Amino acid sequence: METGLIHLHSTLRWVVLILMIVAIAKAFSAWRSKQAFGGTRKLALYAMITLHLQLVLGLVLYFSRGWHQKWGQENMMSDTLTRFFTMEHLVVMILAIALATIGYSGAKRMSDAIKQNRRVFIYYIIALILILSSIPWPFREALGRDWF
């Protein structure tokens, strides 16, 4: 079951990345052309839901694989793999998801469509940069995982 969750978590990252990129592009386009928030809102919501699903899967894996037990060990910070999965990946991804959620929730409460689209664009692009920096890409030698 754990292997299946790892594969699901790894494959779902592509859905997250695609939804984030499309939501950012839509928000930017709507912001620049002064369009209503409606189309951006749905895409941003789907991206946020997928981000939260990834968070739940990630937390299940984090605790089932025992990464939480490595906090405070002597070699935690010196071992690249342990440091990444124990601390870096967790903290940066939670921060990215929080930023996307704050951006979407704040935009939803605004009444000006231009400000709504701009807010989603800014918060989602920062979240996407954080996400891209914390994915264990195959080309990161010490962390490399499969593409799927």
C-alpha atoms as a PDB file:
ATOM      1  CA  MET A   1       0.000   0.000   0.000  1.00  0.00           C
ATOM      2  CA  GLU A   2       2.832   2.382   0.836  1.00  0.00           C
ATOM      3  CA  THR A   3       4.345   1.927  -2.617  1.00  0.00           C
ATOM      4  CA  GLY A   4       0.987   2.740  -4.179  1.00  0.00           C
ATOM      5  CA  LEU A   5       0.720   5.914  -2.110  1.00  0.00           C
ATOM      6  CA  ILE A   6       4.212   6.961  -3.164  1.00  0.00           C
ATOM      7  CA  HIS A   7       3.325   6.442  -6.821  1.00  0.00           C
ATOM      8  CA  LEU A   8       0.029   8.306  -6.400  1.00  0.00           C
ATOM      9  CA  HIS A   9       1.773  11.195  -4.627  1.00  0.00           C
ATOM     10  CA  SER A  10       4.455  11.281  -7.310  1.00  0.00           C
ATOM     11  CA  THR A  11       1.995  11.153 -10.209  1.00  0.00           C
ATOM     12  CA  LEU A  12      -0.383  13.687  -8.670  1.00  0.00           C
ATOM     13  CA  ARG A  13       2.433  16.246  -8.632  1.00  0.00           C
ATOM     14  CA  TRP A  14       2.014  16.536 -12.412  1.00  0.00           C
ATOM     15  CA  VAL A  15      -1.680  17.300 -12.003  1.00  0.00           C
ATOM     16  CA  VAL A  16      -0.789  19.939  -9.404  1.00  0.00           C
ATOM     17  CA  LEU A  17       1.854  21.504 -11.629  1.00  0.00           C
ATOM     18  CA  ILE A  18      -0.432  21.602 -14.678  1.00  0.00           C
ATOM     19  CA  LEU A  19      -3.350  23.066 -12.719  1.00  0.00           C
ATOM     20  CA  MET A  20      -1.105  25.648 -11.070  1.00  0.00           C
ATOM     21  CA  ILE A  21       0.403  26.733 -14.396  1.00  0.00           C
ATOM     22  CA  VAL A  22      -3.004  26.954 -16.088  1.00  0.00           C
ATOM     23  CA  ALA A  23      -4.497  28.867 -13.121  1.00  0.00           C
ATOM     24  CA  ILE A  24      -1.556  31.288 -13.130  1.00  0.00           C
ATOM     25  CA  ALA A  25      -1.848  31.828 -16.894  1.00  0.00           C
ATOM     26  CA  LYS A  26      -5.610  32.345 -16.648  1.00  0.00           C
ATOM     27  CA  ALA A  27      -5.260  34.756 -13.709  1.00  0.00           C
ATOM     28  CA  PHE A  28      -2.570  36.743 -15.533  1.00  0.00           C
ATOM     29  CA  SER A  29      -4.623  36.905 -18.725  1.00  0.00           C
ATOM     30  CA  ALA A  30      -7.790  37.927 -16.859  1.00  0.00           C
ATOM     31  CA  TRP A  31      -5.885  40.474 -14.775  1.00  0.00           C
ATOM     32  CA  ARG A  32      -4.295  42.148 -17.815  1.00  0.00           C
ATOM     33  CA  SER A  33      -7.511  42.154 -19.856  1.00  0.00           C
ATOM     34  CA  LYS A  34      -9.659  43.222 -16.869  1.00  0.00           C
ATOM     35  CA  GLN A  35     -11.952  40.180 -17.089  1.00  0.00           C
ATOM     36  CA  ALA A  36     -14.228  38.801 -14.379  1.00  0.00           C
ATOM     37  CA  PHE A  37     -12.841  36.432 -11.757  1.00  0.00           C
ATOM     38  CA  GLY A  38     -15.265  33.582 -12.603  1.00  0.00           C
ATOM     39  CA  GLY A  39     -13.059  31.515 -14.930  1.00  0.00           C
ATOM     40  CA  THR A  40      -9.970  32.010 -12.820  1.00  0.00           C
ATOM     41  CA  ARG A  41     -11.878  31.122  -9.677  1.00  0.00           C
ATOM     42  CA  LYS A  42     -12.708  27.587 -10.815  1.00  0.00           C
ATOM     43  CA  LEU A  43      -9.185  26.815 -11.996  1.00  0.00           C
ATOM     44  CA  ALA A  44      -7.672  28.270  -8.836  1.00  0.00           C
ATOM     45  CA  LEU A  45     -10.104  26.241  -6.731  1.00  0.00           C
ATOM     46  CA  TYR A  46      -9.238  22.989  -8.545  1.00  0.00           C
ATOM     47  CA  ALA A  47      -5.533  23.719  -8.101  1.00  0.00           C
ATOM     48  CA  MET A  48      -6.043  24.419  -4.401  1.00  0.00           C
ATOM     49  CA  ILE A  49      -8.091  21.234  -3.886  1.00  0.00           C
ATOM     50  CA  THR A  50      -5.401  19.189  -5.607  1.00  0.00           C
ATOM     51  CA  LEU A  51      -2.732  20.860  -3.465  1.00  0.00           C
ATOM     52  CA  HIS A  52      -4.620  19.911  -0.312  1.00  0.00           C
ATOM     53  CA  LEU A  53      -5.047  16.343  -1.539  1.00  0.00           C
ATOM     54  CA  GLN A  54      -1.288  16.211  -2.121  1.00  0.00           C
ATOM     55  CA  LEU A  55      -0.749  17.512   1.404  1.00  0.00           C
ATOM     56  CA  VAL A  56      -2.898  14.765   2.900  1.00  0.00           C
ATOM     57  CA  LEU A  57      -1.116  12.077   0.877  1.00  0.00           C
ATOM     58  CA  GLY A  58       2.239  13.584   1.782  1.00  0.00           C
ATOM     59  CA  LEU A  59       1.449  13.656   5.493  1.00  0.00           C
ATOM     60  CA  VAL A  60       0.297  10.024   5.389  1.00  0.00           C
ATOM     61  CA  LEU A  61       3.599   9.098   3.743  1.00  0.00           C
ATOM     62  CA  TYR A  62       5.588  11.323   6.119  1.00  0.00           C
ATOM     63  CA  PHE A  63       4.275   9.521   9.180  1.00  0.00           C
ATOM     64  CA  SER A  64       4.036   6.018   7.706  1.00  0.00           C
ATOM     65  CA  ARG A  65       7.642   6.119   6.471  1.00  0.00           C
ATOM     66  CA  GLY A  66       8.928   7.332   9.847  1.00  0.00           C
ATOM     67  CA  TRP A  67      10.377  10.675   8.764  1.00  0.00           C
ATOM     68  CA  HIS A  68       8.813  12.322  11.820  1.00  0.00           C
ATOM     69  CA  GLN A  69      10.964  10.131  14.096  1.00  0.00           C
ATOM     70  CA  LYS A  70      14.177  11.529  12.645  1.00  0.00           C
ATOM     71  CA  TRP A  71      13.679  15.027  14.073  1.00  0.00           C
ATOM     72  CA  GLY A  72      16.434  15.834  16.541  1.00  0.00           C
ATOM     73  CA  GLN A  73      18.774  13.006  15.559  1.00  0.00           C
ATOM     74  CA  GLU A  74      22.448  13.904  15.396  1.00  0.00           C
ATOM     75  CA  ASN A  75      22.887  13.209  11.686  1.00  0.00           C
ATOM     76  CA  MET A  76      19.596  14.711  10.520  1.00  0.00           C
ATOM     77  CA  MET A  77      21.104  17.938   9.190  1.00  0.00           C
ATOM     78  CA  SER A  78      24.267  16.398   7.776  1.00  0.00           C
ATOM     79  CA  ASP A  79      22.501  13.727   5.713  1.00  0.00           C
ATOM     80  CA  THR A  80      21.032  15.361   2.586  1.00  0.00           C
ATOM     81  CA  LEU A  81      18.259  12.821   2.044  1.00  0.00           C
ATOM     82  CA  THR A  82      17.142  12.787   5.677  1.00  0.00           C
ATOM     83  CA  ARG A  83      17.232  16.593   5.967  1.00  0.00           C
ATOM     84  CA  PHE A  84      15.265  17.007   2.748  1.00  0.00           C
ATOM     85  CA  PHE A  85      12.422  14.614   3.564  1.00  0.00           C
ATOM     86  CA  THR A  86      12.347  15.283   7.307  1.00  0.00           C
ATOM     87  CA  MET A  87      12.325  19.048   7.135  1.00  0.00           C
ATOM     88  CA  GLU A  88      12.841  20.886   3.840  1.00  0.00           C
ATOM     89  CA  HIS A  89      10.193  19.189   1.699  1.00  0.00           C
ATOM     90  CA  LEU A  90       7.590  19.271   4.470  1.00  0.00           C
ATOM     91  CA  VAL A  91       8.083  22.890   5.525  1.00  0.00           C
ATOM     92  CA  VAL A  92       8.363  24.410   2.044  1.00  0.00           C
ATOM     93  CA  MET A  93       5.382  22.479   0.674  1.00  0.00           C
ATOM     94  CA  ILE A  94       3.185  23.454   3.632  1.00  0.00           C
ATOM     95  CA  LEU A  95       4.258  27.073   3.136  1.00  0.00           C
ATOM     96  CA  ALA A  96       3.430  26.880  -0.594  1.00  0.00           C
ATOM     97  CA  ILE A  97       0.007  25.358   0.078  1.00  0.00           C
ATOM     98  CA  ALA A  98      -0.688  27.980   2.737  1.00  0.00           C
ATOM     99  CA  LEU A  99       0.226  30.782   0.310  1.00  0.00           C
ATOM    100  CA  ALA A 100      -2.027  29.380  -2.409  1.00  0.00           C
ATOM    101  CA  THR A 101      -4.876  29.024   0.095  1.00  0.00           C
ATOM    102  CA  ILE A 102      -4.394  32.564   1.418  1.00  0.00           C
ATOM    103  CA  GLY A 103      -4.275  33.915  -2.127  1.00  0.00           C
ATOM    104  CA  TYR A 104      -7.436  32.121  -3.212  1.00  0.00           C
ATOM    105  CA  SER A 105      -9.378  32.862  -0.013  1.00  0.00           C
ATOM    106  CA  GLY A 106      -8.423  36.522  -0.065  1.00  0.00           C
ATOM    107  CA  ALA A 107      -9.329  36.887  -3.724  1.00  0.00           C
ATOM    108  CA  LYS A 108     -12.699  35.268  -3.118  1.00  0.00           C
ATOM    109  CA  ARG A 109     -13.587  37.968  -0.589  1.00  0.00           C
ATOM    110  CA  MET A 110     -12.602  40.888  -2.823  1.00  0.00           C
ATOM    111  CA  SER A 111     -15.125  42.670  -5.020  1.00  0.00           C
ATOM    112  CA  ASP A 112     -12.799  44.059  -7.712  1.00  0.00           C
ATOM    113  CA  ALA A 113     -12.088  41.492 -10.466  1.00  0.00           C
ATOM    114  CA  ILE A 114      -8.736  43.042 -11.348  1.00  0.00           C
ATOM    115  CA  LYS A 115      -7.513  42.744  -7.763  1.00  0.00           C
ATOM    116  CA  GLN A 116      -8.887  39.208  -7.483  1.00  0.00           C
ATOM    117  CA  ASN A 117      -7.032  37.988 -10.544  1.00  0.00           C
ATOM    118  CA  ARG A 118      -3.845  39.833  -9.548  1.00  0.00           C
ATOM    119  CA  ARG A 119      -3.931  38.305  -6.075  1.00  0.00           C
ATOM    120  CA  VAL A 120      -4.358  34.764  -7.396  1.00  0.00           C
ATOM    121  CA  PHE A 121      -1.578  35.352  -9.927  1.00  0.00           C
ATOM    122  CA  ILE A 122       0.914  36.654  -7.356  1.00  0.00           C
ATOM    123  CA  TYR A 123       0.213  34.116  -4.617  1.00  0.00           C
ATOM    124  CA  TYR A 124       0.017  31.149  -6.975  1.00  0.00           C
ATOM    125  CA  ILE A 125       3.236  32.026  -8.779  1.00  0.00           C
ATOM    126  CA  ILE A 126       5.111  32.289  -5.482  1.00  0.00           C
ATOM    127  CA  ALA A 127       3.590  28.974  -4.385  1.00  0.00           C
ATOM    128  CA  LEU A 128       4.582  27.364  -7.699  1.00  0.00           C
ATOM    129  CA  ILE A 129       8.186  28.535  -7.335  1.00  0.00           C
ATOM    130  CA  LEU A 130       8.319  27.069  -3.827  1.00  0.00           C
ATOM    131  CA  ILE A 131       6.793  23.805  -5.036  1.00  0.00           C
ATOM    132  CA  LEU A 132       9.245  23.504  -7.924  1.00  0.00           C
ATOM    133  CA  SER A 133      12.153  24.101  -5.556  1.00  0.00           C
ATOM    134  CA  SER A 134      11.057  21.313  -3.203  1.00  0.00           C
ATOM    135  CA  ILE A 135      10.175  18.477  -5.531  1.00  0.00           C
ATOM    136  CA  PRO A 136      12.702  15.607  -5.377  1.00  0.00           C
ATOM    137  CA  TRP A 137      13.449  15.767  -9.092  1.00  0.00           C
ATOM    138  CA  PRO A 138      15.331  12.865 -10.727  1.00  0.00           C
ATOM    139  CA  PHE A 139      18.221  15.191 -11.633  1.00  0.00           C
ATOM    140  CA  ARG A 140      18.876  16.052  -7.968  1.00  0.00           C
ATOM    141  CA  GLU A 141      21.483  13.384  -7.343  1.00  0.00           C
ATOM    142  CA  ALA A 142      21.039  12.841  -3.606  1.00  0.00           C
ATOM    143  CA  LEU A 143      17.232  13.008  -3.798  1.00  0.00           C
ATOM    144  CA  GLY A 144      16.427  11.799  -7.281  1.00  0.00           C
ATOM    145  CA  ARG A 145      13.167   9.982  -7.641  1.00  0.00           C
ATOM    146  CA  ASP A 146      11.406   8.664 -10.696  1.00  0.00           C
ATOM    147  CA  TRP A 147       9.516  11.020 -12.958  1.00  0.00           C
ATOM    148  CA  PHE A 148       6.294   9.192 -12.049  1.00  0.00           C
END
